């Protein structure tokens, strides 16, 4: 469980760093929405 939490926190920090580099807020919001939809579909694959 600690490894999973560490993995999640690592990718959250990568996302925060990416948002610092993206100057346009709307592009960032669209990217967040797109990645959340893709992540949910991959997580809930019905396997």
PDB file of N, CA and C in Angstrom:
ATOM      1  N   UNK A   1       0.816  -1.190   0.000  1.00  0.00           N
ATOM      2  CA  UNK A   1       0.000   0.000   0.000  1.00  0.00           C
ATOM      3  C   UNK A   1       0.865   1.262   0.000  1.00  0.00           C
ATOM      4  N   UNK A   2       1.984   1.209   0.716  1.00  0.00           N
ATOM      5  CA  UNK A   2       2.876   2.370   0.745  1.00  0.00           C
ATOM      6  C   UNK A   2       3.463   2.650  -0.630  1.00  0.00           C
ATOM      7  N   UNK A   3       3.748   1.597  -1.382  1.00  0.00           N
ATOM      8  CA  UNK A   3       4.285   1.789  -2.728  1.00  0.00           C
ATOM      9  C   UNK A   3       3.255   2.448  -3.635  1.00  0.00           C
ATOM     10  N   UNK A   4       1.997   2.054  -3.522  1.00  0.00           N
ATOM     11  CA  UNK A   4       0.934   2.635  -4.330  1.00  0.00           C
ATOM     12  C   UNK A   4       0.740   4.112  -3.995  1.00  0.00           C
ATOM     13  N   UNK A   5       0.742   4.455  -2.719  1.00  0.00           N
ATOM     14  CA  UNK A   5       0.602   5.852  -2.311  1.00  0.00           C
ATOM     15  C   UNK A   5       1.794   6.670  -2.792  1.00  0.00           C
ATOM     16  N   UNK A   6       2.987   6.110  -2.688  1.00  0.00           N
ATOM     17  CA  UNK A   6       4.175   6.792  -3.187  1.00  0.00           C
ATOM     18  C   UNK A   6       4.119   7.021  -4.688  1.00  0.00           C
ATOM     19  N   UNK A   7       3.637   6.035  -5.430  1.00  0.00           N
ATOM     20  CA  UNK A   7       3.493   6.149  -6.880  1.00  0.00           C
ATOM     21  C   UNK A   7       2.494   7.255  -7.231  1.00  0.00           C
ATOM     22  N   UNK A   8       1.375   7.281  -6.534  1.00  0.00           N
ATOM     23  CA  UNK A   8       0.355   8.312  -6.770  1.00  0.00           C
ATOM     24  C   UNK A   8       0.906   9.699  -6.454  1.00  0.00           C
ATOM     25  N   UNK A   9       1.584   9.848  -5.337  1.00  0.00           N
ATOM     26  CA  UNK A   9       2.134  11.150  -4.969  1.00  0.00           C
ATOM     27  C   UNK A   9       3.201  11.614  -5.951  1.00  0.00           C
ATOM     28  N   UNK A  10       3.984  10.680  -6.473  1.00  0.00           N
ATOM     29  CA  UNK A  10       4.986  11.021  -7.467  1.00  0.00           C
ATOM     30  C   UNK A  10       4.331  11.622  -8.704  1.00  0.00           C
ATOM     31  N   UNK A  11       3.272  10.981  -9.207  1.00  0.00           N
ATOM     32  CA  UNK A  11       2.625  11.466 -10.417  1.00  0.00           C
ATOM     33  C   UNK A  11       1.822  12.738 -10.172  1.00  0.00           C
ATOM     34  N   UNK A  12       1.316  12.939  -8.971  1.00  0.00           N
ATOM     35  CA  UNK A  12       0.677  14.221  -8.644  1.00  0.00           C
ATOM     36  C   UNK A  12       1.706  15.336  -8.713  1.00  0.00           C
ATOM     37  N   UNK A  13       2.892  15.099  -8.194  1.00  0.00           N
ATOM     38  CA  UNK A  13       3.937  16.121  -8.240  1.00  0.00           C
ATOM     39  C   UNK A  13       4.388  16.392  -9.672  1.00  0.00           C
ATOM     40  N   UNK A  14       4.448  15.368 -10.512  1.00  0.00           N
ATOM     41  CA  UNK A  14       4.773  15.573 -11.923  1.00  0.00           C
ATOM     42  C   UNK A  14       3.705  16.435 -12.583  1.00  0.00           C
ATOM     43  N   UNK A  15       2.439  16.184 -12.258  1.00  0.00           N
ATOM     44  CA  UNK A  15       1.348  16.981 -12.801  1.00  0.00           C
ATOM     45  C   UNK A  15       1.411  18.436 -12.354  1.00  0.00           C
ATOM     46  N   UNK A  16       1.770  18.666 -11.098  1.00  0.00           N
ATOM     47  CA  UNK A  16       1.912  20.040 -10.601  1.00  0.00           C
ATOM     48  C   UNK A  16       3.051  20.759 -11.320  1.00  0.00           C
ATOM     49  N   UNK A  17       4.144  20.058 -11.545  1.00  0.00           N
ATOM     50  CA  UNK A  17       5.262  20.637 -12.273  1.00  0.00           C
ATOM     51  C   UNK A  17       4.862  20.969 -13.701  1.00  0.00           C
ATOM     52  N   UNK A  18       4.112  20.086 -14.323  1.00  0.00           N
ATOM     53  CA  UNK A  18       3.634  20.325 -15.687  1.00  0.00           C
ATOM     54  C   UNK A  18       2.727  21.547 -15.742  1.00  0.00           C
ATOM     55  N   UNK A  19       1.866  21.720 -14.732  1.00  0.00           N
ATOM     56  CA  UNK A  19       0.974  22.883 -14.714  1.00  0.00           C
ATOM     57  C   UNK A  19       1.749  24.184 -14.508  1.00  0.00           C
ATOM     58  N   UNK A  20       2.888  24.114 -13.847  1.00  0.00           N
ATOM     59  CA  UNK A  20       3.722  25.313 -13.726  1.00  0.00           C
ATOM     60  C   UNK A  20       4.287  25.723 -15.083  1.00  0.00           C
ATOM     61  N   UNK A  21       4.547  24.738 -15.939  1.00  0.00           N
ATOM     62  CA  UNK A  21       5.130  25.017 -17.240  1.00  0.00           C
ATOM     63  C   UNK A  21       4.083  25.439 -18.274  1.00  0.00           C
ATOM     64  N   UNK A  22       2.827  24.997 -18.087  1.00  0.00           N
ATOM     65  CA  UNK A  22       1.762  25.370 -19.010  1.00  0.00           C
ATOM     66  C   UNK A  22       1.204  26.714 -18.570  1.00  0.00           C
ATOM     67  N   UNK A  23       1.328  27.720 -19.416  1.00  0.00           N
ATOM     68  CA  UNK A  23       0.893  29.062 -19.045  1.00  0.00           C
ATOM     69  C   UNK A  23      -0.605  29.268 -19.264  1.00  0.00           C
ATOM     70  N   UNK A  24      -1.184  28.546 -20.223  1.00  0.00           N
ATOM     71  CA  UNK A  24      -2.600  28.718 -20.530  1.00  0.00           C
ATOM     72  C   UNK A  24      -3.429  27.827 -19.608  1.00  0.00           C
ATOM     73  N   UNK A  25      -4.286  28.438 -18.780  1.00  0.00           N
ATOM     74  CA  UNK A  25      -5.056  27.683 -17.791  1.00  0.00           C
ATOM     75  C   UNK A  25      -6.090  26.773 -18.452  1.00  0.00           C
ATOM     76  N   UNK A  26      -6.660  27.204 -19.583  1.00  0.00           N
ATOM     77  CA  UNK A  26      -7.689  26.394 -20.245  1.00  0.00           C
ATOM     78  C   UNK A  26      -7.108  25.121 -20.846  1.00  0.00           C
ATOM     79  N   UNK A  27      -5.898  25.208 -21.371  1.00  0.00           N
ATOM     80  CA  UNK A  27      -5.233  24.004 -21.890  1.00  0.00           C
ATOM     81  C   UNK A  27      -4.979  23.037 -20.738  1.00  0.00           C
ATOM     82  N   UNK A  28      -4.578  23.558 -19.603  1.00  0.00           N
ATOM     83  CA  UNK A  28      -4.346  22.714 -18.430  1.00  0.00           C
ATOM     84  C   UNK A  28      -5.609  22.036 -17.945  1.00  0.00           C
ATOM     85  N   UNK A  29      -6.719  22.781 -17.920  1.00  0.00           N
ATOM     86  CA  UNK A  29      -7.985  22.205 -17.472  1.00  0.00           C
ATOM     87  C   UNK A  29      -8.464  21.125 -18.440  1.00  0.00           C
ATOM     88  N   UNK A  30      -8.349  21.391 -19.741  1.00  0.00           N
ATOM     89  CA  UNK A  30      -8.741  20.383 -20.729  1.00  0.00           C
ATOM     90  C   UNK A  30      -7.870  19.137 -20.618  1.00  0.00           C
ATOM     91  N   UNK A  31      -6.579  19.329 -20.362  1.00  0.00           N
ATOM     92  CA  UNK A  31      -5.667  18.197 -20.194  1.00  0.00           C
ATOM     93  C   UNK A  31      -6.040  17.384 -18.955  1.00  0.00           C
ATOM     94  N   UNK A  32      -6.385  18.054 -17.876  1.00  0.00           N
ATOM     95  CA  UNK A  32      -6.792  17.370 -16.648  1.00  0.00           C
ATOM     96  C   UNK A  32      -8.041  16.537 -16.887  1.00  0.00           C
ATOM     97  N   UNK A  33      -9.041  17.133 -17.538  1.00  0.00           N
ATOM     98  CA  UNK A  33     -10.289  16.417 -17.803  1.00  0.00           C
ATOM     99  C   UNK A  33     -10.036  15.202 -18.692  1.00  0.00           C
ATOM    100  N   UNK A  34      -9.264  15.401 -19.747  1.00  0.00           N
ATOM    101  CA  UNK A  34      -8.960  14.303 -20.660  1.00  0.00           C
ATOM    102  C   UNK A  34      -8.251  13.157 -19.945  1.00  0.00           C
ATOM    103  N   UNK A  35      -7.254  13.476 -19.139  1.00  0.00           N
ATOM    104  CA  UNK A  35      -6.503  12.432 -18.445  1.00  0.00           C
ATOM    105  C   UNK A  35      -7.340  11.743 -17.372  1.00  0.00           C
ATOM    106  N   UNK A  36      -8.274  12.483 -16.740  1.00  0.00           N
ATOM    107  CA  UNK A  36      -9.151  11.854 -15.754  1.00  0.00           C
ATOM    108  C   UNK A  36     -10.090  10.854 -16.428  1.00  0.00           C
ATOM    109  N   UNK A  37     -10.610  11.203 -17.606  1.00  0.00           N
ATOM    110  CA  UNK A  37     -11.493  10.297 -18.332  1.00  0.00           C
ATOM    111  C   UNK A  37     -10.728   9.051 -18.776  1.00  0.00           C
ATOM    112  N   UNK A  38      -9.539   9.243 -19.321  1.00  0.00           N
ATOM    113  CA  UNK A  38      -8.725   8.100 -19.755  1.00  0.00           C
ATOM    114  C   UNK A  38      -8.347   7.223 -18.565  1.00  0.00           C
ATOM    115  N   UNK A  39      -7.941   7.842 -17.467  1.00  0.00           N
ATOM    116  CA  UNK A  39      -7.569   7.083 -16.275  1.00  0.00           C
ATOM    117  C   UNK A  39      -8.722   6.294 -15.702  1.00  0.00           C
ATOM    118  N   UNK A  40      -9.919   6.881 -15.696  1.00  0.00           N
ATOM    119  CA  UNK A  40     -11.083   6.162 -15.186  1.00  0.00           C
ATOM    120  C   UNK A  40     -11.423   4.975 -16.079  1.00  0.00           C
ATOM    121  N   UNK A  41     -11.352   5.189 -17.384  1.00  0.00           N
ATOM    122  CA  UNK A  41     -11.650   4.093 -18.316  1.00  0.00           C
ATOM    123  C   UNK A  41     -10.623   2.977 -18.211  1.00  0.00           C
ATOM    124  N   UNK A  42      -9.374   3.299 -17.983  1.00  0.00           N
ATOM    125  CA  UNK A  42      -8.353   2.264 -17.818  1.00  0.00           C
ATOM    126  C   UNK A  42      -8.502   1.551 -16.482  1.00  0.00           C
ATOM    127  N   UNK A  43      -8.912   2.290 -15.436  1.00  0.00           N
ATOM    128  CA  UNK A  43      -9.078   1.693 -14.117  1.00  0.00           C
ATOM    129  C   UNK A  43     -10.299   0.778 -14.081  1.00  0.00           C
ATOM    130  N   UNK A  44     -11.357   1.184 -14.739  1.00  0.00           N
ATOM    131  CA  UNK A  44     -12.607   0.432 -14.732  1.00  0.00           C
ATOM    132  C   UNK A  44     -12.772  -0.314 -16.057  1.00  0.00           C
ATOM    133  N   UNK A  45     -11.794  -1.136 -16.360  1.00  0.00           N
ATOM    134  CA  UNK A  45     -11.792  -1.828 -17.666  1.00  0.00           C
ATOM    135  C   UNK A  45     -12.723  -3.033 -17.682  1.00  0.00           C
ATOM    136  N   UNK A  46     -13.262  -3.427 -16.542  1.00  0.00           N
ATOM    137  CA  UNK A  46     -14.144  -4.583 -16.498  1.00  0.00           C
ATOM    138  C   UNK A  46     -13.405  -5.903 -16.479  1.00  0.00           C
ATOM    139  N   UNK A  47     -12.147  -5.868 -16.111  1.00  0.00           N
ATOM    140  CA  UNK A  47     -11.335  -7.095 -16.083  1.00  0.00           C
ATOM    141  C   UNK A  47     -11.662  -7.938 -14.860  1.00  0.00           C
TER     142      UNK A  47
END
